[in-house]
């Protein structure tokens, strides 16, 4: 059940802010309320859900505030993760990353937008596991939830430029694998910047909040 809810949230089958129907879920999955609420607490701890006292659980929202924070934090966190991944990756993890890239390429060729988004998320999850940092990993996993959700449009190209961006993203994955396998943290960090910029430009076309007073991804002067 937990994995079903994770997938439904990442692919927008459950919309941001949507209330979860405990009665329907207990019927579908054959659970009583107690184990169901344990699953809710687990997913809330991971950032998928919000639990409100007396009002039940709902899918984590995506407000202008959270989007702004996402665009500010993403390039820093992605860069740190890939640099640490190059420093710490184990051989078995590198093979897992190569396998996930094969799945991603297959999804690009013949999969749905949801399959592409999930394959991309798994690729980046493995880089987080490689980084092996107890402080960074929870933030990175939370970031990947919203990256998958707001990036769904990236994986359903509507013109040639968007299709070319998908090819470029796949090529960057290959380069990331090479940098990590060679233990080159500098190159891995630079690739993180390139990879983020590619998806950032596309995502902004669909989610640019009009109320922001600074460009997305730009640090305000007070904290720069």
N, C-alpha and C. Protein backbone atom coordinates (compact mmCIF):
# COMPACT_ATOMS: atom_id res chain seq x y z
N UNK A 1 0.82 -1.20 0.00
CA UNK A 1 0.00 0.00 0.00
C UNK A 1 0.86 1.26 0.00
N UNK A 2 1.90 1.27 0.82
CA UNK A 2 2.77 2.45 0.89
C UNK A 2 3.36 2.76 -0.47
N UNK A 3 3.84 1.74 -1.18
CA UNK A 3 4.42 1.97 -2.49
C UNK A 3 3.38 2.44 -3.50
N UNK A 4 2.17 1.90 -3.38
CA UNK A 4 1.08 2.35 -4.25
C UNK A 4 0.80 3.83 -4.05
N UNK A 5 0.76 4.28 -2.80
CA UNK A 5 0.51 5.68 -2.53
C UNK A 5 1.68 6.55 -3.00
N UNK A 6 2.90 6.08 -2.78
CA UNK A 6 4.06 6.84 -3.26
C UNK A 6 3.98 7.06 -4.77
N UNK A 7 3.72 5.98 -5.50
CA UNK A 7 3.64 6.08 -6.95
C UNK A 7 2.51 6.99 -7.39
N UNK A 8 1.37 6.88 -6.74
CA UNK A 8 0.21 7.71 -7.10
C UNK A 8 0.49 9.18 -6.86
N UNK A 9 1.24 9.48 -5.82
CA UNK A 9 1.57 10.88 -5.52
C UNK A 9 2.61 11.40 -6.51
N UNK A 10 3.66 10.63 -6.78
CA UNK A 10 4.71 11.06 -7.70
C UNK A 10 4.18 11.33 -9.10
N UNK A 11 3.18 10.55 -9.52
CA UNK A 11 2.67 10.66 -10.89
C UNK A 11 1.38 11.46 -10.98
N UNK A 12 0.99 12.10 -9.88
CA UNK A 12 -0.16 13.01 -9.83
C UNK A 12 -1.50 12.31 -9.96
N UNK A 13 -1.53 10.99 -9.82
CA UNK A 13 -2.84 10.34 -9.73
C UNK A 13 -3.55 10.79 -8.45
N UNK A 14 -2.76 11.09 -7.43
CA UNK A 14 -3.27 11.79 -6.25
C UNK A 14 -2.71 13.21 -6.31
N UNK A 15 -3.58 14.18 -6.37
CA UNK A 15 -3.15 15.56 -6.59
C UNK A 15 -2.60 16.19 -5.32
N UNK A 16 -1.71 17.16 -5.45
CA UNK A 16 -1.23 17.89 -4.28
C UNK A 16 -2.40 18.48 -3.49
N UNK A 17 -2.36 18.25 -2.17
CA UNK A 17 -3.41 18.76 -1.30
C UNK A 17 -4.66 17.91 -1.23
N UNK A 18 -4.71 16.80 -1.98
CA UNK A 18 -5.91 15.96 -1.99
C UNK A 18 -6.06 15.19 -0.68
N UNK A 19 -7.26 15.18 -0.13
CA UNK A 19 -7.55 14.43 1.09
C UNK A 19 -7.59 12.94 0.77
N UNK A 20 -7.08 12.13 1.71
CA UNK A 20 -7.13 10.68 1.55
C UNK A 20 -8.35 10.13 2.27
N UNK A 21 -9.05 9.25 1.60
CA UNK A 21 -10.28 8.66 2.13
C UNK A 21 -9.91 7.37 2.89
N UNK A 22 -9.88 7.44 4.20
CA UNK A 22 -9.47 6.28 5.00
C UNK A 22 -10.39 5.09 4.77
N UNK A 23 -11.69 5.34 4.70
CA UNK A 23 -12.65 4.24 4.52
C UNK A 23 -12.41 3.51 3.21
N UNK A 24 -12.23 4.28 2.14
CA UNK A 24 -12.00 3.66 0.83
C UNK A 24 -10.70 2.88 0.82
N UNK A 25 -9.66 3.42 1.43
CA UNK A 25 -8.37 2.74 1.44
C UNK A 25 -8.39 1.47 2.28
N UNK A 26 -9.09 1.48 3.39
CA UNK A 26 -9.19 0.26 4.20
C UNK A 26 -9.92 -0.83 3.43
N UNK A 27 -10.91 -0.43 2.64
CA UNK A 27 -11.65 -1.42 1.84
C UNK A 27 -10.78 -1.97 0.72
N UNK A 28 -10.08 -1.10 0.01
CA UNK A 28 -9.29 -1.52 -1.14
C UNK A 28 -8.14 -2.43 -0.73
N UNK A 29 -7.46 -2.07 0.38
CA UNK A 29 -6.25 -2.80 0.77
C UNK A 29 -6.48 -3.80 1.90
N UNK A 30 -7.70 -3.89 2.39
CA UNK A 30 -8.01 -4.87 3.43
C UNK A 30 -7.30 -4.61 4.73
N UNK A 31 -7.12 -3.34 5.09
CA UNK A 31 -6.45 -2.98 6.32
C UNK A 31 -7.43 -2.38 7.31
N UNK A 32 -7.10 -2.51 8.57
CA UNK A 32 -7.86 -1.79 9.59
C UNK A 32 -7.28 -0.38 9.72
N UNK A 33 -7.93 0.46 10.50
CA UNK A 33 -7.51 1.85 10.61
C UNK A 33 -6.11 1.99 11.23
N UNK A 34 -5.78 1.11 12.18
CA UNK A 34 -4.48 1.27 12.86
C UNK A 34 -3.29 1.08 11.92
N UNK A 35 -3.20 -0.03 11.17
CA UNK A 35 -2.06 -0.15 10.23
C UNK A 35 -2.12 0.89 9.12
N UNK A 36 -3.33 1.29 8.71
CA UNK A 36 -3.44 2.32 7.69
C UNK A 36 -2.80 3.62 8.17
N UNK A 37 -3.08 3.99 9.41
CA UNK A 37 -2.53 5.23 9.94
C UNK A 37 -1.03 5.13 10.18
N UNK A 38 -0.54 3.92 10.41
CA UNK A 38 0.91 3.73 10.51
C UNK A 38 1.57 4.01 9.15
N UNK A 39 0.92 3.57 8.08
CA UNK A 39 1.43 3.86 6.73
C UNK A 39 1.40 5.37 6.50
N UNK A 40 0.32 6.02 6.91
CA UNK A 40 0.23 7.47 6.75
C UNK A 40 1.37 8.18 7.48
N UNK A 41 1.67 7.73 8.68
CA UNK A 41 2.76 8.36 9.44
C UNK A 41 4.11 8.15 8.76
N UNK A 42 4.30 6.95 8.22
CA UNK A 42 5.55 6.66 7.50
C UNK A 42 5.70 7.60 6.30
N UNK A 43 4.63 7.75 5.53
CA UNK A 43 4.69 8.59 4.33
C UNK A 43 4.77 10.07 4.68
N UNK A 44 4.19 10.45 5.80
CA UNK A 44 4.31 11.83 6.24
C UNK A 44 5.75 12.14 6.62
N UNK A 45 6.41 11.18 7.27
CA UNK A 45 7.81 11.37 7.63
C UNK A 45 8.71 11.50 6.42
N UNK A 46 8.31 10.89 5.30
CA UNK A 46 9.10 10.96 4.07
C UNK A 46 8.77 12.20 3.24
N UNK A 47 7.68 12.88 3.58
CA UNK A 47 7.32 14.09 2.86
C UNK A 47 6.21 13.93 1.82
N UNK A 48 5.62 12.74 1.73
CA UNK A 48 4.54 12.51 0.77
C UNK A 48 3.19 13.03 1.26
N UNK A 49 2.97 12.96 2.54
CA UNK A 49 1.67 13.30 3.12
C UNK A 49 1.82 14.34 4.22
N UNK A 50 0.69 14.98 4.53
CA UNK A 50 0.58 15.85 5.70
C UNK A 50 -0.56 15.30 6.55
N UNK A 51 -0.31 15.17 7.85
CA UNK A 51 -1.34 14.68 8.77
C UNK A 51 -1.81 15.84 9.62
N UNK A 52 -3.12 16.11 9.58
CA UNK A 52 -3.70 17.23 10.31
C UNK A 52 -4.54 16.70 11.45
N UNK A 53 -4.33 17.22 12.62
CA UNK A 53 -5.06 16.76 13.80
C UNK A 53 -6.56 16.93 13.61
N UNK A 54 -7.28 15.81 13.73
CA UNK A 54 -8.73 15.83 13.62
C UNK A 54 -9.26 15.93 12.20
N UNK A 55 -8.36 16.02 11.22
CA UNK A 55 -8.82 16.20 9.84
C UNK A 55 -8.23 15.16 8.89
N UNK A 56 -7.45 14.24 9.39
CA UNK A 56 -6.93 13.16 8.58
C UNK A 56 -5.71 13.55 7.76
N UNK A 57 -5.38 12.69 6.80
CA UNK A 57 -4.16 12.87 5.99
C UNK A 57 -4.52 13.41 4.61
N UNK A 58 -3.61 14.17 4.07
CA UNK A 58 -3.74 14.66 2.71
C UNK A 58 -2.38 14.63 2.02
N UNK A 59 -2.41 14.64 0.70
CA UNK A 59 -1.17 14.67 -0.08
C UNK A 59 -0.45 16.00 0.18
N UNK A 60 0.86 15.94 0.30
CA UNK A 60 1.64 17.16 0.54
C UNK A 60 1.33 18.20 -0.53
N UNK A 61 1.09 19.42 -0.09
CA UNK A 61 0.72 20.48 -1.01
C UNK A 61 1.93 20.98 -1.80
N UNK A 62 1.64 21.72 -2.85
CA UNK A 62 2.66 22.41 -3.63
C UNK A 62 2.19 23.85 -3.82
N UNK A 63 2.57 24.71 -2.90
CA UNK A 63 2.17 26.10 -2.93
C UNK A 63 3.24 26.96 -3.58
N UNK A 64 2.95 28.25 -3.76
CA UNK A 64 3.98 29.16 -4.27
C UNK A 64 5.19 29.16 -3.35
N UNK A 65 4.95 29.05 -2.05
CA UNK A 65 6.06 29.05 -1.10
C UNK A 65 6.94 27.82 -1.27
N UNK A 66 6.33 26.65 -1.36
CA UNK A 66 7.13 25.43 -1.50
C UNK A 66 7.84 25.40 -2.85
N UNK A 67 7.20 25.90 -3.90
CA UNK A 67 7.86 25.94 -5.20
C UNK A 67 9.07 26.86 -5.17
N UNK A 68 8.93 27.99 -4.52
CA UNK A 68 10.05 28.91 -4.41
C UNK A 68 11.21 28.24 -3.67
N UNK A 69 10.90 27.57 -2.57
CA UNK A 69 11.94 26.89 -1.80
C UNK A 69 12.57 25.77 -2.60
N UNK A 70 11.74 25.08 -3.38
CA UNK A 70 12.26 24.01 -4.23
C UNK A 70 13.31 24.54 -5.20
N UNK A 71 12.98 25.61 -5.91
CA UNK A 71 13.90 26.13 -6.91
C UNK A 71 15.16 26.73 -6.29
N UNK A 72 15.07 27.21 -5.07
CA UNK A 72 16.25 27.71 -4.39
C UNK A 72 17.16 26.58 -3.93
N UNK A 73 16.56 25.51 -3.41
CA UNK A 73 17.35 24.44 -2.80
C UNK A 73 17.86 23.41 -3.79
N UNK A 74 17.11 23.16 -4.86
CA UNK A 74 17.42 22.04 -5.75
C UNK A 74 18.84 22.06 -6.29
N UNK A 75 19.33 23.15 -6.88
CA UNK A 75 20.68 23.09 -7.45
C UNK A 75 21.77 22.83 -6.43
N UNK A 76 21.59 23.36 -5.21
CA UNK A 76 22.58 23.12 -4.17
C UNK A 76 22.59 21.67 -3.73
N UNK A 77 21.41 21.11 -3.54
CA UNK A 77 21.31 19.74 -3.05
C UNK A 77 21.75 18.74 -4.11
N UNK A 78 21.31 18.93 -5.35
CA UNK A 78 21.74 18.04 -6.43
C UNK A 78 23.25 18.05 -6.58
N UNK A 79 23.85 19.23 -6.54
CA UNK A 79 25.30 19.32 -6.68
C UNK A 79 26.03 18.59 -5.57
N UNK A 80 25.57 18.79 -4.32
CA UNK A 80 26.21 18.13 -3.19
C UNK A 80 26.08 16.61 -3.29
N UNK A 81 24.90 16.15 -3.69
CA UNK A 81 24.66 14.71 -3.80
C UNK A 81 25.59 14.08 -4.84
N UNK A 82 25.70 14.67 -6.01
CA UNK A 82 26.53 14.05 -7.05
C UNK A 82 28.01 14.11 -6.72
N UNK A 83 28.44 15.18 -6.07
CA UNK A 83 29.86 15.22 -5.66
C UNK A 83 30.15 14.13 -4.64
N UNK A 84 29.28 13.97 -3.66
CA UNK A 84 29.48 12.92 -2.66
C UNK A 84 29.33 11.53 -3.28
N UNK A 85 28.44 11.40 -4.25
CA UNK A 85 28.28 10.11 -4.92
C UNK A 85 29.57 9.70 -5.61
N UNK A 86 30.23 10.65 -6.26
CA UNK A 86 31.50 10.34 -6.91
C UNK A 86 32.56 9.94 -5.90
N UNK A 87 32.50 10.50 -4.71
CA UNK A 87 33.48 10.17 -3.67
C UNK A 87 33.20 8.82 -3.00
N UNK A 88 31.91 8.43 -2.91
CA UNK A 88 31.54 7.33 -2.02
C UNK A 88 30.91 6.12 -2.70
N UNK A 89 30.62 6.19 -3.99
CA UNK A 89 29.87 5.12 -4.65
C UNK A 89 30.58 3.78 -4.57
N UNK A 90 29.81 2.74 -4.29
CA UNK A 90 30.30 1.37 -4.29
C UNK A 90 30.09 0.75 -5.67
N UNK A 91 30.90 -0.23 -6.03
CA UNK A 91 30.75 -0.85 -7.36
C UNK A 91 29.34 -1.38 -7.62
N UNK A 92 28.72 -2.00 -6.62
CA UNK A 92 27.37 -2.52 -6.83
C UNK A 92 26.38 -1.39 -7.08
N UNK A 93 26.59 -0.24 -6.45
CA UNK A 93 25.69 0.89 -6.67
C UNK A 93 25.86 1.47 -8.07
N UNK A 94 27.09 1.46 -8.56
CA UNK A 94 27.32 1.94 -9.93
C UNK A 94 26.60 1.03 -10.92
N UNK A 95 26.61 -0.26 -10.68
CA UNK A 95 25.89 -1.18 -11.55
C UNK A 95 24.38 -0.95 -11.44
N UNK A 96 23.89 -0.66 -10.25
CA UNK A 96 22.47 -0.33 -10.09
C UNK A 96 22.11 0.93 -10.87
N UNK A 97 23.02 1.90 -10.85
CA UNK A 97 22.77 3.14 -11.57
C UNK A 97 22.72 2.88 -13.08
N UNK A 98 23.63 2.05 -13.56
CA UNK A 98 23.62 1.71 -14.99
C UNK A 98 22.32 0.99 -15.37
N UNK A 99 21.87 0.09 -14.50
CA UNK A 99 20.62 -0.62 -14.76
C UNK A 99 19.45 0.34 -14.79
N UNK A 100 19.43 1.28 -13.86
CA UNK A 100 18.33 2.25 -13.82
C UNK A 100 18.34 3.15 -15.06
N UNK A 101 19.53 3.43 -15.58
CA UNK A 101 19.62 4.23 -16.80
C UNK A 101 19.07 3.46 -17.99
N UNK A 102 19.30 2.17 -18.03
CA UNK A 102 18.72 1.33 -19.09
C UNK A 102 17.20 1.39 -19.04
N UNK A 103 16.65 1.31 -17.83
CA UNK A 103 15.19 1.40 -17.66
C UNK A 103 14.70 2.78 -18.11
N UNK A 104 15.44 3.82 -17.76
CA UNK A 104 15.06 5.17 -18.15
C UNK A 104 15.03 5.32 -19.66
N UNK A 105 16.05 4.80 -20.35
CA UNK A 105 16.09 4.90 -21.80
C UNK A 105 14.93 4.12 -22.44
N UNK A 106 14.60 2.97 -21.88
CA UNK A 106 13.47 2.21 -22.39
C UNK A 106 12.17 2.99 -22.22
N UNK A 107 12.03 3.65 -21.07
CA UNK A 107 10.83 4.45 -20.82
C UNK A 107 10.75 5.63 -21.79
N UNK A 108 11.89 6.23 -22.11
CA UNK A 108 11.89 7.33 -23.08
C UNK A 108 11.43 6.85 -24.45
N UNK A 109 11.81 5.64 -24.81
CA UNK A 109 11.46 5.12 -26.13
C UNK A 109 9.99 4.75 -26.23
N UNK A 110 9.47 4.11 -25.19
CA UNK A 110 8.12 3.53 -25.35
C UNK A 110 7.24 3.66 -24.12
N UNK A 111 7.70 4.35 -23.09
CA UNK A 111 6.91 4.42 -21.86
C UNK A 111 6.02 5.65 -21.80
N UNK A 112 5.17 5.67 -20.81
CA UNK A 112 4.29 6.82 -20.56
C UNK A 112 5.07 7.90 -19.82
N UNK A 113 4.46 9.07 -19.70
CA UNK A 113 5.11 10.14 -18.95
C UNK A 113 5.33 9.73 -17.50
N UNK A 114 4.38 8.98 -16.94
CA UNK A 114 4.53 8.52 -15.56
C UNK A 114 5.70 7.55 -15.43
N UNK A 115 5.83 6.63 -16.38
CA UNK A 115 6.94 5.67 -16.35
C UNK A 115 8.28 6.39 -16.50
N UNK A 116 8.32 7.41 -17.32
CA UNK A 116 9.56 8.17 -17.49
C UNK A 116 9.93 8.91 -16.21
N UNK A 117 8.93 9.55 -15.59
CA UNK A 117 9.19 10.29 -14.36
C UNK A 117 9.66 9.36 -13.24
N UNK A 118 9.04 8.20 -13.13
CA UNK A 118 9.43 7.24 -12.09
C UNK A 118 10.82 6.69 -12.35
N UNK A 119 11.16 6.42 -13.60
CA UNK A 119 12.49 5.91 -13.93
C UNK A 119 13.55 6.97 -13.62
N UNK A 120 13.25 8.21 -13.92
CA UNK A 120 14.19 9.28 -13.61
C UNK A 120 14.36 9.43 -12.10
N UNK A 121 13.26 9.33 -11.37
CA UNK A 121 13.34 9.43 -9.91
C UNK A 121 14.21 8.32 -9.34
N UNK A 122 14.06 7.10 -9.86
CA UNK A 122 14.86 6.00 -9.35
C UNK A 122 16.34 6.21 -9.63
N UNK A 123 16.67 6.74 -10.81
CA UNK A 123 18.06 7.04 -11.13
C UNK A 123 18.65 7.97 -10.07
N UNK A 124 17.94 9.02 -9.75
CA UNK A 124 18.47 9.99 -8.80
C UNK A 124 18.42 9.47 -7.36
N UNK A 125 17.46 8.62 -7.04
CA UNK A 125 17.45 8.00 -5.72
C UNK A 125 18.74 7.23 -5.47
N UNK A 126 19.21 6.53 -6.49
CA UNK A 126 20.43 5.74 -6.33
C UNK A 126 21.63 6.66 -6.09
N UNK A 127 21.67 7.82 -6.77
CA UNK A 127 22.78 8.74 -6.50
C UNK A 127 22.73 9.23 -5.06
N UNK A 128 21.54 9.40 -4.52
CA UNK A 128 21.42 9.78 -3.12
C UNK A 128 21.93 8.69 -2.19
N UNK A 129 21.63 7.44 -2.52
CA UNK A 129 22.15 6.32 -1.73
C UNK A 129 23.67 6.27 -1.81
N UNK A 130 24.21 6.58 -2.97
CA UNK A 130 25.66 6.61 -3.13
C UNK A 130 26.29 7.69 -2.25
N UNK A 131 25.65 8.85 -2.18
CA UNK A 131 26.18 9.96 -1.40
C UNK A 131 26.36 9.58 0.06
N UNK A 132 25.43 8.79 0.58
CA UNK A 132 25.55 8.18 1.91
C UNK A 132 25.84 9.25 2.99
N UNK A 133 24.93 10.24 3.04
CA UNK A 133 25.07 11.30 4.02
C UNK A 133 23.78 11.42 4.81
N UNK A 134 23.85 11.18 6.11
CA UNK A 134 22.66 11.11 6.94
C UNK A 134 21.93 12.44 7.02
N UNK A 135 22.63 13.54 6.82
CA UNK A 135 21.99 14.85 6.88
C UNK A 135 21.38 15.25 5.54
N UNK A 136 22.02 14.87 4.47
CA UNK A 136 21.60 15.31 3.15
C UNK A 136 20.49 14.46 2.56
N UNK A 137 20.52 13.16 2.82
CA UNK A 137 19.60 12.24 2.14
C UNK A 137 18.13 12.54 2.38
N UNK A 138 17.68 12.83 3.61
CA UNK A 138 16.25 13.14 3.79
C UNK A 138 15.80 14.35 2.97
N UNK A 139 16.62 15.37 2.90
CA UNK A 139 16.27 16.55 2.10
C UNK A 139 16.23 16.20 0.62
N UNK A 140 17.16 15.38 0.18
CA UNK A 140 17.21 15.00 -1.23
C UNK A 140 15.98 14.17 -1.61
N UNK A 141 15.60 13.25 -0.76
CA UNK A 141 14.42 12.44 -1.05
C UNK A 141 13.16 13.29 -1.10
N UNK A 142 13.07 14.25 -0.19
CA UNK A 142 11.91 15.16 -0.23
C UNK A 142 11.91 15.97 -1.51
N UNK A 143 13.07 16.41 -1.93
CA UNK A 143 13.19 17.17 -3.17
C UNK A 143 12.72 16.35 -4.37
N UNK A 144 13.07 15.07 -4.39
CA UNK A 144 12.71 14.23 -5.52
C UNK A 144 11.20 14.06 -5.66
N UNK A 145 10.47 14.13 -4.55
CA UNK A 145 9.02 14.01 -4.62
C UNK A 145 8.45 15.14 -5.47
N UNK A 146 8.84 16.36 -5.15
CA UNK A 146 8.29 17.49 -5.89
C UNK A 146 8.89 17.61 -7.28
N UNK A 147 10.14 17.17 -7.45
CA UNK A 147 10.73 17.20 -8.80
C UNK A 147 9.94 16.28 -9.72
N UNK A 148 9.57 15.12 -9.24
CA UNK A 148 8.77 14.21 -10.06
C UNK A 148 7.41 14.83 -10.38
N UNK A 149 6.79 15.44 -9.38
CA UNK A 149 5.44 15.97 -9.59
C UNK A 149 5.43 17.17 -10.54
N UNK A 150 6.30 18.12 -10.31
CA UNK A 150 6.26 19.31 -11.16
C UNK A 150 6.97 19.07 -12.49
N UNK A 151 7.69 17.96 -12.59
CA UNK A 151 8.38 17.65 -13.83
C UNK A 151 7.61 16.71 -14.75
N UNK A 152 6.39 16.34 -14.39
CA UNK A 152 5.63 15.41 -15.23
C UNK A 152 5.50 15.91 -16.66
N UNK A 153 5.35 17.23 -16.84
CA UNK A 153 5.22 17.78 -18.18
C UNK A 153 6.49 17.61 -19.00
N UNK A 154 7.64 17.56 -18.32
CA UNK A 154 8.91 17.38 -19.02
C UNK A 154 8.92 16.05 -19.77
N UNK A 155 8.21 15.06 -19.24
CA UNK A 155 8.25 13.72 -19.81
C UNK A 155 7.09 13.43 -20.76
N UNK A 156 6.38 14.50 -21.16
CA UNK A 156 5.36 14.37 -22.21
C UNK A 156 5.58 15.51 -23.21
N UNK A 157 6.64 15.41 -24.01
CA UNK A 157 7.04 16.52 -24.87
C UNK A 157 5.95 16.91 -25.86
N UNK A 158 5.80 18.22 -26.06
CA UNK A 158 4.77 18.75 -26.95
C UNK A 158 5.36 19.40 -28.20
N UNK A 159 6.69 19.44 -28.30
CA UNK A 159 7.32 19.98 -29.50
C UNK A 159 8.71 19.38 -29.63
N UNK A 160 9.39 19.70 -30.71
CA UNK A 160 10.70 19.11 -30.98
C UNK A 160 11.74 19.50 -29.94
N UNK A 161 11.67 20.75 -29.45
CA UNK A 161 12.64 21.19 -28.46
C UNK A 161 12.52 20.38 -27.18
N UNK A 162 11.28 20.12 -26.76
CA UNK A 162 11.08 19.33 -25.56
C UNK A 162 11.59 17.90 -25.75
N UNK A 163 11.38 17.35 -26.94
CA UNK A 163 11.89 16.00 -27.23
C UNK A 163 13.41 15.98 -27.21
N UNK A 164 14.02 17.04 -27.77
CA UNK A 164 15.48 17.13 -27.73
C UNK A 164 15.99 17.21 -26.30
N UNK A 165 15.24 17.89 -25.43
CA UNK A 165 15.65 18.00 -24.03
C UNK A 165 15.66 16.64 -23.34
N UNK A 166 14.73 15.78 -23.71
CA UNK A 166 14.71 14.43 -23.14
C UNK A 166 15.97 13.67 -23.55
N UNK A 167 16.34 13.80 -24.81
CA UNK A 167 17.57 13.15 -25.28
C UNK A 167 18.78 13.70 -24.53
N UNK A 168 18.81 15.02 -24.34
CA UNK A 168 19.92 15.64 -23.63
C UNK A 168 19.97 15.16 -22.18
N UNK A 169 18.80 15.01 -21.54
CA UNK A 169 18.75 14.52 -20.16
C UNK A 169 19.33 13.11 -20.07
N UNK A 170 18.99 12.27 -21.03
CA UNK A 170 19.52 10.90 -21.04
C UNK A 170 21.03 10.91 -21.24
N UNK A 171 21.51 11.76 -22.15
CA UNK A 171 22.96 11.86 -22.36
C UNK A 171 23.66 12.33 -21.09
N UNK A 172 23.05 13.26 -20.37
CA UNK A 172 23.65 13.74 -19.13
C UNK A 172 23.68 12.64 -18.08
N UNK A 173 22.65 11.79 -18.04
CA UNK A 173 22.68 10.64 -17.13
C UNK A 173 23.91 9.77 -17.42
N UNK A 174 24.16 9.51 -18.71
CA UNK A 174 25.32 8.70 -19.07
C UNK A 174 26.61 9.34 -18.59
N UNK A 175 26.71 10.66 -18.76
CA UNK A 175 27.92 11.37 -18.32
C UNK A 175 28.06 11.34 -16.81
N UNK A 176 26.94 11.43 -16.11
CA UNK A 176 26.95 11.36 -14.64
C UNK A 176 27.47 10.00 -14.18
N UNK A 177 27.01 8.95 -14.83
CA UNK A 177 27.48 7.60 -14.48
C UNK A 177 28.99 7.51 -14.66
N UNK A 178 29.49 8.02 -15.77
CA UNK A 178 30.93 7.97 -16.03
C UNK A 178 31.71 8.74 -14.97
N UNK A 179 31.25 9.94 -14.63
CA UNK A 179 31.94 10.75 -13.63
C UNK A 179 31.97 10.05 -12.27
N UNK A 180 30.85 9.45 -11.90
CA UNK A 180 30.80 8.75 -10.61
C UNK A 180 31.71 7.52 -10.64
N UNK A 181 31.65 6.77 -11.74
CA UNK A 181 32.48 5.56 -11.84
C UNK A 181 33.96 5.90 -11.78
N UNK A 182 34.33 7.08 -12.30
CA UNK A 182 35.72 7.50 -12.28
C UNK A 182 36.10 8.26 -11.02
N UNK A 183 35.13 8.45 -10.13
CA UNK A 183 35.39 9.13 -8.87
C UNK A 183 35.72 10.60 -9.04
N UNK A 184 35.19 11.22 -10.09
CA UNK A 184 35.50 12.62 -10.39
C UNK A 184 34.41 13.52 -9.82
N UNK A 185 34.59 13.98 -8.59
CA UNK A 185 33.57 14.78 -7.92
C UNK A 185 33.38 16.13 -8.59
N UNK A 186 34.47 16.71 -9.12
CA UNK A 186 34.37 18.02 -9.78
C UNK A 186 33.47 17.94 -11.01
N UNK A 187 33.69 16.96 -11.85
CA UNK A 187 32.87 16.80 -13.05
C UNK A 187 31.44 16.45 -12.67
N UNK A 188 31.27 15.60 -11.67
CA UNK A 188 29.92 15.22 -11.24
C UNK A 188 29.15 16.45 -10.78
N UNK A 189 29.80 17.34 -10.04
CA UNK A 189 29.14 18.55 -9.58
C UNK A 189 28.76 19.46 -10.73
N UNK A 190 29.65 19.58 -11.71
CA UNK A 190 29.35 20.41 -12.89
C UNK A 190 28.19 19.83 -13.68
N UNK A 191 28.14 18.51 -13.79
CA UNK A 191 27.04 17.86 -14.50
C UNK A 191 25.72 18.06 -13.76
N UNK A 192 25.77 18.10 -12.43
CA UNK A 192 24.56 18.37 -11.66
C UNK A 192 23.99 19.73 -12.03
N UNK A 193 24.85 20.72 -12.19
CA UNK A 193 24.39 22.06 -12.58
C UNK A 193 23.76 22.04 -13.97
N UNK A 194 24.40 21.36 -14.90
CA UNK A 194 23.87 21.28 -16.26
C UNK A 194 22.53 20.55 -16.29
N UNK A 195 22.46 19.46 -15.53
CA UNK A 195 21.25 18.64 -15.52
C UNK A 195 20.09 19.41 -14.89
N UNK A 196 20.38 20.11 -13.82
CA UNK A 196 19.34 20.91 -13.18
C UNK A 196 18.85 22.00 -14.12
N UNK A 197 19.76 22.69 -14.78
CA UNK A 197 19.37 23.79 -15.66
C UNK A 197 18.47 23.30 -16.78
N UNK A 198 18.74 22.12 -17.31
CA UNK A 198 17.94 21.58 -18.39
C UNK A 198 16.50 21.39 -17.95
N UNK A 199 16.30 20.77 -16.80
CA UNK A 199 14.93 20.53 -16.33
C UNK A 199 14.30 21.81 -15.79
N UNK A 200 15.10 22.67 -15.19
CA UNK A 200 14.57 23.91 -14.61
C UNK A 200 13.91 24.78 -15.66
N UNK A 201 14.56 24.97 -16.80
CA UNK A 201 14.01 25.81 -17.85
C UNK A 201 12.67 25.28 -18.33
N UNK A 202 12.56 23.96 -18.46
CA UNK A 202 11.31 23.37 -18.93
C UNK A 202 10.22 23.46 -17.87
N UNK A 203 10.57 23.17 -16.63
CA UNK A 203 9.59 23.20 -15.56
C UNK A 203 9.02 24.59 -15.37
N UNK A 204 9.87 25.62 -15.47
CA UNK A 204 9.41 26.98 -15.24
C UNK A 204 8.32 27.40 -16.23
N UNK A 205 8.30 26.81 -17.41
CA UNK A 205 7.28 27.15 -18.39
C UNK A 205 5.88 26.83 -17.87
N UNK A 206 5.80 25.87 -16.95
CA UNK A 206 4.49 25.41 -16.49
C UNK A 206 4.16 25.80 -15.07
N UNK A 207 5.15 26.15 -14.25
CA UNK A 207 4.87 26.36 -12.83
C UNK A 207 5.36 27.69 -12.30
N UNK A 208 5.79 28.63 -13.14
CA UNK A 208 6.31 29.90 -12.63
C UNK A 208 5.23 30.63 -11.83
N UNK A 209 5.41 30.76 -10.51
CA UNK A 209 4.42 31.48 -9.72
C UNK A 209 4.51 32.98 -10.00
N UNK A 210 3.39 33.60 -10.30
CA UNK A 210 3.40 35.01 -10.66
C UNK A 210 3.65 35.92 -9.48
N UNK A 211 3.48 35.42 -8.26
CA UNK A 211 3.60 36.27 -7.09
C UNK A 211 5.02 36.38 -6.56
N UNK A 212 5.97 35.61 -7.13
CA UNK A 212 7.32 35.65 -6.61
C UNK A 212 7.98 36.98 -6.95
N UNK A 213 8.77 37.50 -6.03
CA UNK A 213 9.44 38.76 -6.29
C UNK A 213 10.91 38.57 -6.62
N UNK A 214 11.37 37.31 -6.72
CA UNK A 214 12.72 37.02 -7.19
C UNK A 214 12.63 35.88 -8.18
N UNK A 215 13.53 35.81 -9.16
CA UNK A 215 13.51 34.71 -10.11
C UNK A 215 13.70 33.38 -9.40
N UNK A 216 13.01 32.35 -9.87
CA UNK A 216 13.16 31.03 -9.30
C UNK A 216 14.60 30.57 -9.48
N UNK A 217 15.15 30.02 -8.40
CA UNK A 217 16.53 29.53 -8.45
C UNK A 217 17.55 30.59 -8.16
N UNK A 218 17.11 31.82 -7.78
CA UNK A 218 18.03 32.89 -7.47
C UNK A 218 17.96 33.20 -5.99
N UNK A 219 19.09 33.25 -5.33
CA UNK A 219 19.12 33.53 -3.90
C UNK A 219 18.88 35.00 -3.64
N UNK A 220 18.00 35.35 -2.70
CA UNK A 220 17.84 36.74 -2.32
C UNK A 220 19.15 37.30 -1.79
N UNK A 221 19.35 38.62 -1.91
CA UNK A 221 20.59 39.25 -1.48
C UNK A 221 20.87 39.02 0.00
N UNK A 222 19.81 38.91 0.79
CA UNK A 222 20.00 38.77 2.24
C UNK A 222 20.67 37.48 2.64
N UNK A 223 20.59 36.46 1.74
CA UNK A 223 21.19 35.16 2.10
C UNK A 223 22.23 34.75 1.07
N UNK A 224 22.48 35.56 0.07
CA UNK A 224 23.45 35.17 -0.97
C UNK A 224 24.85 35.18 -0.43
